[in-house]
Amino acid sequence: MSKHIAIVGAGPVGVVAALAAVQQGFRVSLYEAESRVDDSPRAATTHSSTLEMIARVGLIDRFVKEGLTARYFQFWDQAAQKMVAQFDHEILKDETPYPFVVQTEQHKLGNMGIEKLRTCADASVHFEHRITAVAQTDDGVTLTAQAPDGPVRIEADYVIAADGGRSALRKALDIPFEGMTWPERFIVITVKDDFERLMGCCYRNYLAHPDAWTNLFKISGDDMQGRWRAVFPSGVDETDEEALSDAAVARRLAHVFPRTEPYEVLHRNIYRVHQRVAARFRQGRVFLAGDAAHVNNPIGGLGLNCGIHDAMELVDMLTAVERGEEDASVFDRYERRRRQMNIEFVQQQTVNNKKRLEEKDPAVRAQALDDIRRIADDPQRHRQFLLRSSLIDSVRKARTIA
């Protein structure tokens, strides 16, 4: 197979797609607008279903080694400062070879994948190539990119647009990005202090509070010395400067766990959060994947995982077509499967996760936390909850969509 796939975007979704395509015999070119992989704090939670895919592209050993393995996650009632329920992925040991989550920053996955791509004869990686135009016929796609030495023309049989939430390709194809933007922004604070020691929590924690919920989880850091990352909502009327001020950062961290000495803050950031899905995931021979196709709030760590699932589904489909096992009518199946799976498993679940954490009505809030406690205490419901939250259910259901 010598067909050429051009992949736009060197984030983890584009890199995994490139590795999977090369392994299936495609010639692959990967294009990234920036000069390097973005290493700012972003997605870090990789679920069991996705770990199976990372194993398929030959990165699992290094991926696990450069991250943290998290068997458990916990729900906390932050108003009462007590744990409500703990979920144990070990209950999935008969469902997956990876009954745990791996906390590995997404830029590590991107960089290790690019290193592997550079050893492949049929793969090339091009940074500082910003796509400016796209045109296509029934037989192929032509991209125009602005490179350091001037415009570059790229001819490909297929294009995978994995160029993020602001996707230049999605915009060039005039595909609507339907959904909404949350009124509050999300604040990310990274500290050196060890919340596991301070609170007795595990590596992944969801802290419910009627005024200020928190996502709290541990990552390994580039130095493998460990970091804790906390995600909070801003006040709707709070300016970015106010939200990121030393006083506000200290107040939010003290809300998680009050202490006399100051926290050692390593990084702070604030960003807008969207729940959006592209109206179409395909136009001709151009396919959207990852954030180019869908974005969501980060509660539950589902967005990146769903994007990698897009990548693997897409490469498997293109492989089947090029080998004559399927005809081009399956191109529409990619959209039927991936768009429905994102809406059903990611959009709905992340919105529900947020509502559960921020519920203000005392009775509704108490009921929601009690429901979580009862689910965790019932082995069958516990298992079903994790099959859904780890996206194993979504992978299985996608296969049933013709």
Protein backbone atom coordinates (compact mmCIF):
# COMPACT_ATOMS: atom_id res chain seq x y z
CA MET A 1 0.00 0.00 0.00
CA SER A 2 1.57 3.29 -1.09
CA LYS A 3 -1.32 5.70 -0.66
CA HIS A 4 -0.38 8.99 1.02
CA ILE A 5 -2.13 10.35 4.12
CA ALA A 6 -1.40 13.95 5.14
CA ILE A 7 -2.10 14.58 8.81
CA VAL A 8 -2.47 18.13 10.08
CA GLY A 9 -1.65 18.70 13.75
CA ALA A 10 1.19 17.12 15.77
CA GLY A 11 -0.76 16.74 18.97
CA PRO A 12 -1.33 13.25 20.37
CA VAL A 13 -4.30 12.51 18.09
CA GLY A 14 -2.38 13.37 14.93
CA VAL A 15 0.73 11.54 16.09
CA VAL A 16 -1.18 8.36 17.01
CA ALA A 17 -3.00 8.49 13.66
CA ALA A 18 0.34 8.84 11.87
CA LEU A 19 1.89 5.88 13.69
CA ALA A 20 -1.15 3.69 13.08
CA ALA A 21 -1.21 4.62 9.37
CA VAL A 22 2.50 3.92 8.85
CA GLN A 23 2.11 0.53 10.50
CA GLN A 24 -0.68 -0.28 8.03
CA GLY A 25 1.54 0.51 5.05
CA PHE A 26 0.51 4.08 4.22
CA ARG A 27 3.00 6.82 3.39
CA VAL A 28 2.43 9.53 5.99
CA SER A 29 3.30 13.22 6.26
CA LEU A 30 2.64 15.05 9.53
CA TYR A 31 2.32 18.85 9.49
CA GLU A 32 2.35 21.16 12.51
CA ALA A 33 1.91 24.94 12.42
CA GLU A 34 4.08 25.59 15.48
CA SER A 35 7.83 25.02 15.86
CA ARG A 36 7.46 22.32 18.53
CA VAL A 37 4.94 20.21 20.41
CA ASP A 38 2.94 22.35 22.86
CA ASP A 39 4.01 21.38 26.39
CA SER A 40 1.60 23.60 28.32
CA PRO A 41 -0.54 21.74 30.92
CA ARG A 42 -3.33 20.02 29.06
CA ALA A 43 -4.90 16.55 29.02
CA ALA A 44 -3.16 13.94 31.17
CA THR A 45 -5.68 11.12 31.83
CA THR A 46 -5.56 8.07 29.58
CA HIS A 47 -8.24 5.42 30.08
CA SER A 48 -8.07 1.65 29.69
CA SER A 49 -9.68 1.62 26.24
CA THR A 50 -7.12 4.13 24.96
CA LEU A 51 -4.18 2.34 26.55
CA GLU A 52 -5.07 -0.65 24.36
CA MET A 53 -4.70 1.61 21.31
CA ILE A 54 -1.41 3.08 22.53
CA ALA A 55 -0.20 -0.50 22.87
CA ARG A 56 -1.20 -1.12 19.23
CA VAL A 57 1.10 1.66 18.01
CA GLY A 58 4.02 0.37 20.10
CA LEU A 59 4.29 3.08 22.76
CA ILE A 60 2.70 1.50 25.83
CA ASP A 61 5.83 0.57 27.79
CA ARG A 62 7.40 4.00 27.51
CA PHE A 63 4.05 5.71 28.01
CA VAL A 64 3.43 3.92 31.31
CA LYS A 65 7.03 4.45 32.43
CA GLU A 66 6.88 8.24 31.88
CA GLY A 67 3.57 8.59 33.72
CA LEU A 68 1.78 7.47 36.86
CA THR A 69 -0.49 4.46 37.10
CA ALA A 70 -3.77 5.24 38.86
CA ARG A 71 -5.86 2.24 39.86
CA TYR A 72 -8.41 4.28 41.83
CA PHE A 73 -10.35 7.51 41.61
CA GLN A 74 -12.40 9.18 44.30
CA PHE A 75 -15.41 11.47 44.72
CA TRP A 76 -15.23 13.88 47.65
CA ASP A 77 -17.79 16.08 49.36
CA GLN A 78 -15.54 19.10 49.62
CA ALA A 79 -18.00 21.05 51.77
CA ALA A 80 -17.68 18.33 54.42
CA GLN A 81 -14.05 17.56 53.49
CA LYS A 82 -14.68 13.84 53.35
CA MET A 83 -14.46 11.12 50.71
CA VAL A 84 -17.83 9.87 49.43
CA ALA A 85 -16.86 6.99 47.14
CA GLN A 86 -13.85 5.24 45.62
CA PHE A 87 -13.82 3.42 42.29
CA ASP A 88 -11.32 0.65 41.57
CA HIS A 89 -10.40 -0.13 37.96
CA GLU A 90 -9.19 -3.58 39.02
CA ILE A 91 -12.83 -4.65 38.72
CA LEU A 92 -12.26 -4.44 34.92
CA LYS A 93 -9.40 -6.97 34.91
CA ASP A 94 -11.45 -9.42 32.81
CA GLU A 95 -12.48 -6.68 30.38
CA THR A 96 -9.11 -5.11 29.48
CA PRO A 97 -5.38 -5.84 29.83
CA TYR A 98 -5.06 -2.34 31.38
CA PRO A 99 -7.41 -2.14 34.39
CA PHE A 100 -6.15 1.28 35.42
CA VAL A 101 -5.67 4.84 34.20
CA VAL A 102 -2.28 6.27 33.26
CA GLN A 103 -1.60 9.91 34.11
CA THR A 104 0.87 10.99 31.40
CA GLU A 105 0.91 14.55 30.06
CA GLN A 106 -0.25 14.69 26.45
CA HIS A 107 2.93 16.38 25.19
CA LYS A 108 4.90 13.32 26.29
CA LEU A 109 2.73 11.11 24.10
CA GLY A 110 3.22 13.54 21.21
CA ASN A 111 6.98 13.70 21.58
CA MET A 112 7.55 9.97 22.02
CA GLY A 113 5.34 9.28 19.02
CA ILE A 114 7.25 11.76 16.85
CA GLU A 115 10.53 10.13 17.87
CA LYS A 116 9.15 6.80 16.68
CA LEU A 117 7.82 8.32 13.45
CA ARG A 118 11.25 9.72 12.62
CA THR A 119 12.58 6.14 12.51
CA CYS A 120 9.98 5.11 9.89
CA ALA A 121 11.06 5.28 6.25
CA ASP A 122 7.54 6.10 5.04
CA ALA A 123 6.88 8.91 7.52
CA SER A 124 7.95 12.56 7.54
CA VAL A 125 7.37 15.24 10.18
CA HIS A 126 7.17 18.94 9.27
CA PHE A 127 7.01 21.68 11.90
CA GLU A 128 6.29 25.34 11.06
CA HIS A 129 3.94 24.32 8.26
CA ARG A 130 0.69 26.25 8.63
CA ILE A 131 -2.13 25.09 6.34
CA THR A 132 -3.64 28.00 4.40
CA ALA A 133 -5.83 26.31 1.79
CA VAL A 134 -7.43 23.00 0.87
CA ALA A 135 -8.85 21.75 -2.42
CA GLN A 136 -9.96 18.29 -3.43
CA THR A 137 -11.25 16.10 -6.23
CA ASP A 138 -12.81 12.64 -6.15
CA ASP A 139 -9.31 11.15 -6.22
CA GLY A 140 -7.25 13.27 -3.84
CA VAL A 141 -6.65 16.37 -1.76
CA THR A 142 -4.28 19.31 -2.24
CA LEU A 143 -3.15 21.33 0.76
CA THR A 144 -1.24 24.58 0.68
CA ALA A 145 1.00 25.31 3.64
CA GLN A 146 3.06 28.34 4.60
CA ALA A 147 6.52 27.04 5.55
CA PRO A 148 9.66 28.92 6.68
CA ASP A 149 10.92 29.03 3.08
CA GLY A 150 7.61 29.95 1.51
CA PRO A 151 4.41 28.24 0.31
CA VAL A 152 4.39 24.43 -0.01
CA ARG A 153 1.95 22.35 -2.05
CA ILE A 154 0.99 18.97 -0.56
CA GLU A 155 -0.74 16.24 -2.58
CA ALA A 156 -2.41 13.44 -0.63
CA ASP A 157 -4.93 10.67 -1.11
CA TYR A 158 -6.51 11.45 2.26
CA VAL A 159 -6.20 14.17 4.90
CA ILE A 160 -6.77 13.81 8.62
CA ALA A 161 -7.46 17.17 10.30
CA ALA A 162 -6.23 16.83 13.89
CA ASP A 163 -5.38 20.51 14.23
CA GLY A 164 -7.29 21.30 17.41
CA GLY A 165 -10.37 23.19 18.51
CA ARG A 166 -9.52 26.17 16.31
CA SER A 167 -8.95 23.85 13.33
CA ALA A 168 -7.89 25.74 10.23
CA LEU A 169 -9.07 22.86 8.06
CA ARG A 170 -12.52 22.70 9.63
CA LYS A 171 -12.88 26.44 9.08
CA ALA A 172 -11.56 26.20 5.51
CA LEU A 173 -14.18 23.55 4.78
CA ASP A 174 -16.85 25.79 6.37
CA ILE A 175 -18.05 23.06 8.74
CA PRO A 176 -20.13 24.50 11.63
CA PHE A 177 -18.88 23.82 15.17
CA GLU A 178 -22.14 23.44 17.04
CA GLY A 179 -22.63 23.78 20.78
CA MET A 180 -22.00 26.22 23.60
CA THR A 181 -19.35 27.93 25.72
CA TRP A 182 -19.51 27.79 29.52
CA PRO A 183 -19.91 31.25 31.12
CA GLU A 184 -17.12 30.61 33.64
CA ARG A 185 -13.52 29.88 32.66
CA PHE A 186 -11.48 26.99 34.03
CA ILE A 187 -8.43 27.77 36.17
CA VAL A 188 -5.50 25.32 36.24
CA ILE A 189 -3.01 25.53 39.11
CA THR A 190 -0.01 23.19 39.36
CA VAL A 191 1.82 22.77 42.66
CA LYS A 192 4.72 20.75 44.03
CA ASP A 193 2.89 20.00 47.31
CA ASP A 194 1.66 16.44 47.84
CA PHE A 195 -2.13 16.32 48.31
CA GLU A 196 -2.02 12.55 48.78
CA ARG A 197 0.00 13.12 51.96
CA LEU A 198 -2.03 16.16 53.02
CA MET A 199 -5.55 14.79 52.41
CA GLY A 200 -5.18 11.04 52.16
CA CYS A 201 -6.60 11.13 48.62
CA CYS A 202 -5.58 9.02 45.62
CA TYR A 203 -4.08 10.23 42.30
CA ARG A 204 -7.46 11.22 40.71
CA ASN A 205 -10.10 13.10 42.67
CA TYR A 206 -13.36 14.92 41.96
CA LEU A 207 -14.29 17.36 44.73
CA ALA A 208 -17.96 18.41 44.78
CA HIS A 209 -18.82 21.80 46.26
CA PRO A 210 -21.83 24.09 45.67
CA ASP A 211 -19.63 27.18 45.27
CA ALA A 212 -16.33 25.89 43.87
CA TRP A 213 -15.81 22.31 42.72
CA THR A 214 -12.28 21.04 42.05
CA ASN A 215 -10.61 18.38 39.90
CA LEU A 216 -7.46 17.29 41.68
CA PHE A 217 -4.97 14.85 40.20
CA LYS A 218 -1.31 13.93 40.20
CA ILE A 219 0.97 13.86 37.17
CA SER A 220 4.61 12.80 36.92
CA GLY A 221 6.09 16.03 35.51
CA ASP A 222 8.87 16.13 32.95
CA ASP A 223 11.36 15.52 35.76
CA MET A 224 9.35 12.55 37.11
CA GLN A 225 9.34 14.23 40.54
CA GLY A 226 5.55 14.49 40.68
CA ARG A 227 3.16 17.43 40.41
CA TRP A 228 -0.40 18.03 41.55
CA ARG A 229 -2.79 19.82 39.24
CA ALA A 230 -6.01 21.41 40.46
CA VAL A 231 -8.77 22.67 38.15
CA PHE A 232 -11.33 25.19 39.44
CA PRO A 233 -14.14 27.30 37.94
CA SER A 234 -13.64 31.03 37.85
CA GLY A 235 -16.31 33.42 39.00
CA VAL A 236 -18.41 34.49 36.01
CA ASP A 237 -17.57 38.15 36.67
CA GLU A 238 -14.00 37.52 37.83
CA THR A 239 -11.34 38.92 35.49
CA ASP A 240 -8.46 36.71 34.36
CA GLU A 241 -6.06 38.90 36.33
CA GLU A 242 -8.14 38.52 39.50
CA ALA A 243 -8.49 34.76 39.05
CA LEU A 244 -4.74 34.24 38.61
CA SER A 245 -3.60 36.66 41.32
CA ASP A 246 -1.48 35.31 44.15
CA ALA A 247 -4.29 35.95 46.62
CA ALA A 248 -6.94 34.14 44.56
CA VAL A 249 -4.63 31.19 43.85
CA ALA A 250 -3.81 30.87 47.57
CA ARG A 251 -7.52 31.09 48.46
CA ARG A 252 -8.47 28.36 46.01
CA LEU A 253 -5.73 26.00 47.16
CA ALA A 254 -6.68 26.60 50.80
CA HIS A 255 -10.25 25.71 49.81
CA VAL A 256 -8.97 22.27 48.76
CA PHE A 257 -6.87 21.81 51.90
CA PRO A 258 -6.23 24.62 54.40
CA ARG A 259 -2.71 24.85 55.79
CA THR A 260 -0.54 27.47 57.49
CA GLU A 261 2.40 27.45 55.08
CA PRO A 262 1.96 28.66 51.48
CA TYR A 263 1.67 26.24 48.58
CA GLU A 264 4.56 25.97 46.11
CA VAL A 265 2.85 27.09 42.90
CA LEU A 266 4.63 26.03 39.70
CA HIS A 267 2.14 27.09 37.03
CA ARG A 268 -1.21 28.86 36.65
CA ASN A 269 -3.46 29.29 33.64
CA ILE A 270 -7.06 30.16 32.73
CA TYR A 271 -9.01 29.23 29.62
CA ARG A 272 -12.47 29.18 28.11
CA VAL A 273 -14.26 25.84 27.97
CA HIS A 274 -16.61 24.71 25.22
CA GLN A 275 -18.99 21.84 24.53
CA ARG A 276 -19.04 21.67 20.74
CA VAL A 277 -19.33 19.04 18.02
CA ALA A 278 -18.66 19.57 14.32
CA ALA A 279 -21.77 19.31 12.15
CA ARG A 280 -19.84 16.91 9.89
CA PHE A 281 -16.76 14.78 10.60
CA ARG A 282 -15.96 14.30 6.90
CA GLN A 283 -15.97 16.31 3.72
CA GLY A 284 -14.85 14.28 0.73
CA ARG A 285 -11.43 12.83 1.55
CA VAL A 286 -10.80 15.13 4.52
CA PHE A 287 -11.67 13.69 7.94
CA LEU A 288 -11.85 15.57 11.25
CA ALA A 289 -10.47 13.94 14.40
CA GLY A 290 -9.91 14.94 18.02
CA ASP A 291 -10.52 18.54 19.05
CA ALA A 292 -10.99 19.56 15.42
CA ALA A 293 -14.19 17.48 15.53
CA HIS A 294 -15.31 17.89 19.15
CA VAL A 295 -14.40 19.72 22.36
CA ASN A 296 -15.71 19.33 25.90
CA ASN A 297 -15.00 20.24 29.48
CA PRO A 298 -12.17 18.18 31.03
CA ILE A 299 -14.09 16.63 33.95
CA GLY A 300 -13.61 12.88 33.53
CA GLY A 301 -10.64 13.18 31.17
CA LEU A 302 -12.57 12.05 28.07
CA GLY A 303 -11.72 14.47 25.24
CA LEU A 304 -8.22 13.30 24.35
CA ASN A 305 -9.26 9.67 24.74
CA CYS A 306 -12.16 10.09 22.33
CA GLY A 307 -9.80 11.81 19.89
CA ILE A 308 -7.40 8.87 19.89
CA HIS A 309 -10.39 6.58 19.31
CA ASP A 310 -11.26 8.73 16.28
CA ALA A 311 -7.73 8.28 14.96
CA MET A 312 -7.69 4.50 15.28
CA GLU A 313 -11.20 4.06 13.84
CA LEU A 314 -10.25 6.27 10.91
CA VAL A 315 -6.99 4.47 10.09
CA ASP A 316 -8.65 1.05 10.39
CA MET A 317 -11.38 2.21 7.99
CA LEU A 318 -8.95 3.64 5.43
CA THR A 319 -6.88 0.45 5.63
CA ALA A 320 -9.94 -1.71 4.94
CA VAL A 321 -10.84 0.43 1.90
CA GLU A 322 -7.32 0.39 0.46
CA ARG A 323 -7.08 -3.39 0.90
CA GLY A 324 -10.37 -3.88 -0.90
CA GLU A 325 -12.12 -5.24 2.19
CA GLU A 326 -14.61 -2.35 2.18
CA ASP A 327 -15.74 0.17 -0.43
CA ALA A 328 -15.76 3.96 -0.07
CA SER A 329 -19.33 3.92 1.28
CA VAL A 330 -17.80 3.23 4.74
CA PHE A 331 -16.42 6.79 4.75
CA ASP A 332 -19.87 7.90 5.93
CA ARG A 333 -19.75 5.27 8.69
CA TYR A 334 -16.85 7.11 10.31
CA GLU A 335 -19.11 10.09 10.92
CA ARG A 336 -22.06 7.93 12.02
CA ARG A 337 -19.92 6.17 14.60
CA ARG A 338 -17.61 8.84 15.90
CA ARG A 339 -20.08 11.73 16.02
CA GLN A 340 -22.69 9.65 17.84
CA MET A 341 -20.11 8.24 20.29
CA ASN A 342 -18.86 11.72 21.14
CA ILE A 343 -22.34 13.09 21.74
CA GLU A 344 -23.55 10.07 23.71
CA PHE A 345 -20.48 9.23 25.78
CA VAL A 346 -18.40 12.41 25.96
CA GLN A 347 -20.65 15.45 25.65
CA GLN A 348 -23.42 14.06 27.87
CA GLN A 349 -21.04 12.53 30.38
CA THR A 350 -18.82 15.59 30.84
CA VAL A 351 -21.83 17.89 31.21
CA ASN A 352 -23.32 15.50 33.79
CA ASN A 353 -19.98 15.27 35.61
CA LYS A 354 -19.86 19.05 35.90
CA LYS A 355 -23.47 19.28 37.12
CA ARG A 356 -22.82 16.65 39.78
CA LEU A 357 -19.82 18.52 41.15
CA GLU A 358 -21.39 22.01 41.17
CA GLU A 359 -24.97 21.22 42.31
CA LYS A 360 -26.22 23.95 44.67
CA ASP A 361 -29.59 22.61 45.82
CA PRO A 362 -28.79 20.83 49.12
CA ALA A 363 -31.31 18.03 48.60
CA VAL A 364 -30.34 17.37 44.98
CA ARG A 365 -26.67 17.56 45.91
CA ALA A 366 -27.07 15.08 48.77
CA GLN A 367 -29.00 12.72 46.48
CA ALA A 368 -26.32 12.88 43.76
CA LEU A 369 -23.52 12.10 46.20
CA ASP A 370 -25.57 9.30 47.75
CA ASP A 371 -26.17 7.84 44.28
CA ILE A 372 -22.42 7.80 43.63
CA ARG A 373 -21.83 6.12 46.99
CA ARG A 374 -24.41 3.41 46.24
CA ILE A 375 -22.95 2.78 42.78
CA ALA A 376 -19.47 2.32 44.24
CA ASP A 377 -20.84 -0.06 46.90
CA ASP A 378 -22.60 -2.32 44.37
CA PRO A 379 -20.03 -4.45 42.44
CA GLN A 380 -22.19 -4.79 39.33
CA ARG A 381 -23.05 -1.07 39.14
CA HIS A 382 -19.43 -0.20 40.02
CA ARG A 383 -18.24 -2.26 37.05
CA GLN A 384 -20.84 -0.76 34.68
CA PHE A 385 -19.92 2.77 35.81
CA LEU A 386 -16.25 2.15 35.00
CA LEU A 387 -17.00 0.47 31.67
CA ARG A 388 -18.73 3.69 30.65
CA SER A 389 -16.32 6.18 32.24
CA SER A 390 -13.30 4.42 30.70
CA LEU A 391 -14.99 4.49 27.25
CA ILE A 392 -14.81 0.69 26.90
CA ASP A 393 -18.59 0.73 26.38
CA SER A 394 -18.28 3.40 23.66
CA VAL A 395 -15.69 1.34 21.74
CA ARG A 396 -17.95 -1.70 21.86
CA LYS A 397 -21.07 0.22 20.88
CA ALA A 398 -19.31 1.97 17.98
CA ARG A 399 -18.60 -1.44 16.42
CA THR A 400 -22.34 -2.15 16.26
CA ILE A 401 -23.11 0.95 14.16
CA ALA A 402 -23.20 -0.04 10.50
